[in-house]
Amino acid sequence: MRHILFLGDTQYPFVHDNAINGVNKFIRGFDWQAKDELWFLGDGLDFDMLSLKFPKNPERDSHLQHDIDGFRRDLLKPWAHYGPPRRVYLGGNHEYRIQTYMWHQAPKLSSLNGLQVEKLLQLEELGFEYYPYGKMVQVSGDFFATHGDIVRAHAGFTAKAMVDKTGVSGIMGHTHRLGQSTRRILDSTGGTKLIGWWENGCLCDQTKMDWTTGVQDWHLGFSVGTFFDDEGSNKFAIEPVFVHDNGSFVFGGNVYD
């Protein structure tokens, strides 16, 4: 058996401080075992100053290195020190902004070693395996993880779209919502099997983003998966964790605040 902590969509520096503090306390206090893992599902930094699509505050244009240093110091390093032994980082569309910015604004720099996001974040030094944006990475058997590139109108609707699109189970970031969808389908033996996808919520704070308006239907949260693949089984359970605005949450019958 192994536990996997799924986190994502912190969009540093626009993190939700209470939620991050709660998650970091949880990571420091949990009894991680040798087979346990942490999977980060992308959009670690916002990289707002590199956006070619959305309006951006020009005062943030010189903050790129500052944001990278802060993300490593405040999040990645504590997770590496206190978290489970294996760590995986999936790139999201915000990490992809580095590549698209270079392709459009400075294509001659795109061939340089060291400007890839995994190099800028020094992920290998912190023990993270990195997979670029767009990859759907196998977690266990027919269960996969990805950042995601589609968003539907309501929580669970994007999960349903992934069920219909992939025919396997998995977990995703990107939507900033907590949601789930399941479906029974035919399997390779002529029988049936139940599959499902989960939307993993977010750990960012809309109120810090001066380009968002109105009420964004974003849900603070993360998920913990339990997988029994080392016992010749494909059995798993995903427990979404709803985080309150004060950073408190309930997991495993315990209140964390």
Protein backbone atom coordinates (compact mmCIF):
# COMPACT_ATOMS: atom_id res chain seq x y z
CA MET A 1 0.00 0.00 0.00
CA ARG A 2 1.14 3.53 -0.68
CA HIS A 3 -0.31 6.97 -0.05
CA ILE A 4 -0.01 9.70 -2.67
CA LEU A 5 -0.55 13.35 -1.83
CA PHE A 6 -1.83 15.26 -4.86
CA LEU A 7 -1.27 19.04 -4.75
CA GLY A 8 -1.45 21.69 -7.44
CA ASP A 9 -2.36 25.12 -8.76
CA THR A 10 -0.58 27.24 -6.16
CA GLN A 11 0.23 29.90 -8.79
CA TYR A 12 2.97 31.47 -6.66
CA PRO A 13 3.17 34.22 -5.51
CA PHE A 14 -0.64 34.32 -5.46
CA VAL A 15 -0.89 31.45 -2.99
CA HIS A 16 -3.68 31.19 -0.45
CA ASP A 17 -1.62 31.70 2.69
CA ASN A 18 -3.97 29.93 5.10
CA ALA A 19 -4.43 26.94 2.81
CA ILE A 20 -0.69 26.60 2.20
CA ASN A 21 0.05 26.85 5.92
CA GLY A 22 -2.50 24.12 6.60
CA VAL A 23 -1.08 21.86 3.89
CA ASN A 24 2.48 22.40 5.07
CA LYS A 25 1.51 21.50 8.65
CA PHE A 26 -0.15 18.35 7.32
CA ILE A 27 2.95 17.39 5.34
CA ARG A 28 5.23 17.92 8.35
CA GLY A 29 3.00 15.93 10.67
CA PHE A 30 1.94 12.98 8.50
CA ASP A 31 3.63 9.62 9.07
CA TRP A 32 5.06 9.12 5.58
CA GLN A 33 6.24 5.64 4.69
CA ALA A 34 8.96 4.52 2.26
CA LYS A 35 6.51 3.89 -0.62
CA ASP A 36 4.54 7.14 -0.24
CA GLU A 37 4.66 9.86 -2.88
CA LEU A 38 3.87 13.52 -3.54
CA TRP A 39 2.55 14.49 -6.98
CA PHE A 40 2.33 18.17 -7.88
CA LEU A 41 -0.13 18.64 -10.75
CA GLY A 42 1.23 21.86 -12.19
CA ASP A 43 0.81 25.64 -12.21
CA GLY A 44 3.23 26.04 -9.34
CA LEU A 45 4.02 29.59 -10.34
CA ASP A 46 1.68 31.97 -12.10
CA PHE A 47 4.34 33.45 -14.43
CA ASP A 48 1.85 36.26 -15.03
CA MET A 49 4.52 38.53 -16.48
CA LEU A 50 5.06 36.02 -19.32
CA SER A 51 1.40 35.72 -20.34
CA LEU A 52 0.73 36.46 -24.01
CA LYS A 53 -3.04 36.19 -23.56
CA PHE A 54 -4.18 37.82 -20.34
CA PRO A 55 -3.70 41.40 -19.06
CA LYS A 56 -0.80 41.76 -16.65
CA ASN A 57 0.44 44.31 -14.15
CA PRO A 58 3.61 45.94 -15.57
CA GLU A 59 4.90 46.44 -12.02
CA ARG A 60 5.43 42.65 -11.89
CA ASP A 61 7.65 42.50 -14.98
CA SER A 62 10.88 42.37 -12.94
CA HIS A 63 9.70 39.76 -10.41
CA LEU A 64 10.44 36.57 -12.34
CA GLN A 65 13.56 35.47 -10.43
CA HIS A 66 12.03 36.64 -7.16
CA ASP A 67 8.99 34.42 -7.76
CA ILE A 68 11.12 31.40 -8.67
CA ASP A 69 13.26 31.81 -5.55
CA GLY A 70 10.20 32.23 -3.34
CA PHE A 71 8.42 29.19 -4.76
CA ARG A 72 11.47 27.02 -4.11
CA ARG A 73 11.98 28.44 -0.62
CA ASP A 74 8.38 28.50 0.61
CA LEU A 75 6.95 25.39 -1.04
CA LEU A 76 9.29 23.03 -2.89
CA LYS A 77 12.04 22.87 -0.27
CA PRO A 78 9.69 22.19 2.70
CA TRP A 79 7.86 19.55 0.67
CA ALA A 80 11.15 17.90 -0.24
CA HIS A 81 12.37 17.98 3.36
CA TYR A 82 9.22 16.90 5.19
CA GLY A 83 7.24 15.10 2.48
CA PRO A 84 7.23 11.56 1.15
CA PRO A 85 10.31 9.97 -0.48
CA ARG A 86 9.17 10.08 -4.11
CA ARG A 87 8.18 13.43 -5.64
CA VAL A 88 6.74 14.09 -9.10
CA TYR A 89 6.11 17.47 -10.74
CA LEU A 90 3.81 17.74 -13.77
CA GLY A 91 4.12 20.94 -15.76
CA GLY A 92 0.97 23.00 -16.28
CA ASN A 93 -0.08 25.64 -18.75
CA HIS A 94 1.51 28.32 -16.55
CA GLU A 95 4.90 26.55 -16.62
CA TYR A 96 4.39 26.33 -20.39
CA ARG A 97 4.33 30.13 -20.52
CA ILE A 98 8.14 30.12 -20.35
CA GLN A 99 8.37 28.18 -23.59
CA THR A 100 5.63 30.06 -25.42
CA TYR A 101 7.11 33.41 -24.38
CA MET A 102 10.53 32.46 -25.77
CA TRP A 103 9.03 31.07 -28.97
CA HIS A 104 7.12 34.30 -29.60
CA GLN A 105 9.39 36.97 -28.11
CA ALA A 106 12.92 35.51 -28.09
CA PRO A 107 13.05 32.33 -30.22
CA LYS A 108 16.85 32.39 -30.42
CA LEU A 109 17.02 31.78 -26.66
CA SER A 110 14.87 28.66 -26.76
CA SER A 111 17.81 26.39 -27.60
CA LEU A 112 19.82 27.39 -24.52
CA ASN A 113 20.33 24.84 -21.78
CA GLY A 114 19.08 26.08 -18.44
CA LEU A 115 16.01 28.03 -19.50
CA GLN A 116 13.65 25.07 -19.22
CA VAL A 117 11.31 25.29 -16.25
CA GLU A 118 12.71 22.17 -14.59
CA LYS A 119 16.19 23.71 -14.74
CA LEU A 120 15.04 27.12 -13.49
CA LEU A 121 13.31 25.48 -10.54
CA GLN A 122 16.25 23.06 -9.98
CA LEU A 123 13.74 20.25 -9.56
CA GLU A 124 16.27 17.44 -9.86
CA GLU A 125 18.24 18.92 -6.98
CA LEU A 126 15.08 18.72 -4.84
CA GLY A 127 14.32 15.16 -5.87
CA PHE A 128 11.39 15.86 -8.20
CA GLU A 129 10.81 13.93 -11.41
CA TYR A 130 9.53 16.36 -14.02
CA TYR A 131 7.05 15.76 -16.84
CA PRO A 132 6.24 18.62 -19.24
CA TYR A 133 2.83 20.14 -19.81
CA GLY A 134 0.47 17.96 -21.80
CA LYS A 135 1.75 14.62 -20.52
CA MET A 136 -0.64 12.13 -18.97
CA VAL A 137 1.55 10.13 -16.60
CA GLN A 138 0.74 6.69 -15.25
CA VAL A 139 0.36 6.61 -11.47
CA SER A 140 -0.76 3.00 -11.11
CA GLY A 141 -2.34 0.54 -13.54
CA ASP A 142 -5.14 2.36 -15.36
CA PHE A 143 -4.89 5.45 -13.13
CA PHE A 144 -3.16 8.52 -14.60
CA ALA A 145 -2.33 12.10 -13.61
CA THR A 146 -2.14 15.22 -15.75
CA HIS A 147 -2.46 18.96 -15.33
CA GLY A 148 -5.24 19.20 -17.90
CA ASP A 149 -6.11 21.53 -20.74
CA ILE A 150 -9.90 21.70 -20.70
CA VAL A 151 -12.32 23.43 -18.31
CA ARG A 152 -16.07 22.96 -18.23
CA ALA A 153 -18.67 25.19 -16.58
CA HIS A 154 -19.13 23.41 -13.26
CA ALA A 155 -17.31 21.20 -10.77
CA GLY A 156 -17.26 17.60 -11.96
CA PHE A 157 -18.08 18.48 -15.56
CA THR A 158 -14.41 18.51 -16.58
CA ALA A 159 -13.89 15.21 -14.77
CA LYS A 160 -16.75 13.79 -16.83
CA ALA A 161 -15.12 15.09 -20.02
CA MET A 162 -11.89 13.30 -19.06
CA VAL A 163 -13.77 10.07 -18.35
CA ASP A 164 -15.37 10.25 -21.79
CA LYS A 165 -12.13 11.26 -23.52
CA THR A 166 -9.66 8.83 -21.97
CA GLY A 167 -11.51 5.66 -20.94
CA VAL A 168 -9.23 5.35 -17.91
CA SER A 169 -9.16 6.77 -14.39
CA GLY A 170 -7.14 9.71 -13.21
CA ILE A 171 -6.70 13.03 -11.46
CA MET A 172 -6.13 16.51 -12.86
CA GLY A 173 -5.50 20.10 -11.89
CA HIS A 174 -6.26 23.19 -14.00
CA THR A 175 -9.95 23.70 -13.16
CA HIS A 176 -9.36 25.06 -9.62
CA ARG A 177 -12.36 23.00 -8.53
CA LEU A 178 -13.03 19.88 -6.53
CA GLY A 179 -15.14 17.45 -8.54
CA GLN A 180 -15.55 13.83 -9.52
CA SER A 181 -17.20 11.80 -12.26
CA THR A 182 -17.47 8.03 -12.65
CA ARG A 183 -18.66 5.78 -15.45
CA ARG A 184 -18.97 2.07 -16.09
CA ILE A 185 -17.43 0.92 -19.39
CA LEU A 186 -16.55 -2.28 -21.20
CA ASP A 187 -13.15 -3.75 -20.40
CA SER A 188 -10.76 -5.84 -22.51
CA THR A 189 -12.22 -9.13 -21.24
CA GLY A 190 -15.73 -8.37 -22.43
CA GLY A 191 -16.86 -7.52 -18.92
CA THR A 192 -17.22 -4.07 -17.41
CA LYS A 193 -15.22 -1.85 -15.07
CA LEU A 194 -15.80 1.39 -13.20
CA ILE A 195 -13.55 4.32 -14.02
CA GLY A 196 -13.40 7.83 -12.60
CA TRP A 197 -11.64 11.18 -12.78
CA TRP A 198 -11.06 13.71 -10.02
CA GLU A 199 -10.53 17.47 -10.17
CA ASN A 200 -7.99 18.41 -7.51
CA GLY A 201 -8.98 21.94 -6.44
CA CYS A 202 -6.39 24.70 -6.01
CA LEU A 203 -4.23 26.42 -3.40
CA CYS A 204 -4.21 29.94 -4.85
CA ASP A 205 -5.95 33.16 -3.81
CA GLN A 206 -8.07 35.05 -6.31
CA THR A 207 -8.05 38.18 -4.17
CA LYS A 208 -4.31 38.59 -4.83
CA MET A 209 -4.84 38.58 -8.60
CA ASP A 210 -5.71 42.05 -9.81
CA TRP A 211 -6.83 40.82 -13.24
CA THR A 212 -9.67 38.60 -12.00
CA THR A 213 -13.11 40.05 -11.35
CA GLY A 214 -16.31 38.85 -9.75
CA VAL A 215 -16.66 35.57 -7.91
CA GLN A 216 -14.47 32.82 -9.32
CA ASP A 217 -15.86 29.33 -8.66
CA TRP A 218 -12.56 28.10 -7.27
CA HIS A 219 -12.27 25.51 -4.51
CA LEU A 220 -9.38 25.30 -2.07
CA GLY A 221 -8.33 21.69 -1.75
CA PHE A 222 -6.11 18.74 -2.53
CA SER A 223 -6.44 14.95 -2.59
CA VAL A 224 -4.91 11.92 -0.96
CA GLY A 225 -4.85 8.65 -2.86
CA THR A 226 -4.38 5.17 -1.44
CA PHE A 227 -3.10 2.57 -3.91
CA PHE A 228 -2.76 -1.18 -3.43
CA ASP A 229 -0.87 -1.94 -6.65
CA ASP A 230 2.07 -3.57 -4.83
CA GLU A 231 -0.24 -6.38 -3.78
CA GLY A 232 -1.14 -7.46 -7.31
CA SER A 233 -4.26 -5.32 -7.29
CA ASN A 234 -5.57 -2.32 -9.20
CA LYS A 235 -7.55 -1.10 -6.22
CA PHE A 236 -7.34 2.54 -5.19
CA ALA A 237 -9.27 5.20 -3.35
CA ILE A 238 -9.11 8.97 -3.84
CA GLU A 239 -10.10 11.21 -0.93
CA PRO A 240 -10.62 14.85 -1.95
CA VAL A 241 -9.90 17.26 0.90
CA PHE A 242 -11.88 20.50 1.08
CA VAL A 243 -9.82 23.28 2.66
CA HIS A 244 -11.67 26.09 4.43
CA ASP A 245 -10.63 29.71 3.99
CA ASN A 246 -8.95 29.65 7.42
CA GLY A 247 -6.75 26.77 6.24
CA SER A 248 -8.47 24.05 8.26
CA PHE A 249 -9.64 20.72 6.84
CA VAL A 250 -10.67 17.22 7.82
CA PHE A 251 -8.80 14.11 6.69
CA GLY A 252 -8.82 10.57 7.97
CA GLY A 253 -11.21 11.41 10.77
CA ASN A 254 -8.91 14.15 12.11
CA VAL A 255 -9.29 17.93 12.06
CA TYR A 256 -6.23 19.87 10.91
CA ASP A 257 -6.24 23.54 11.82
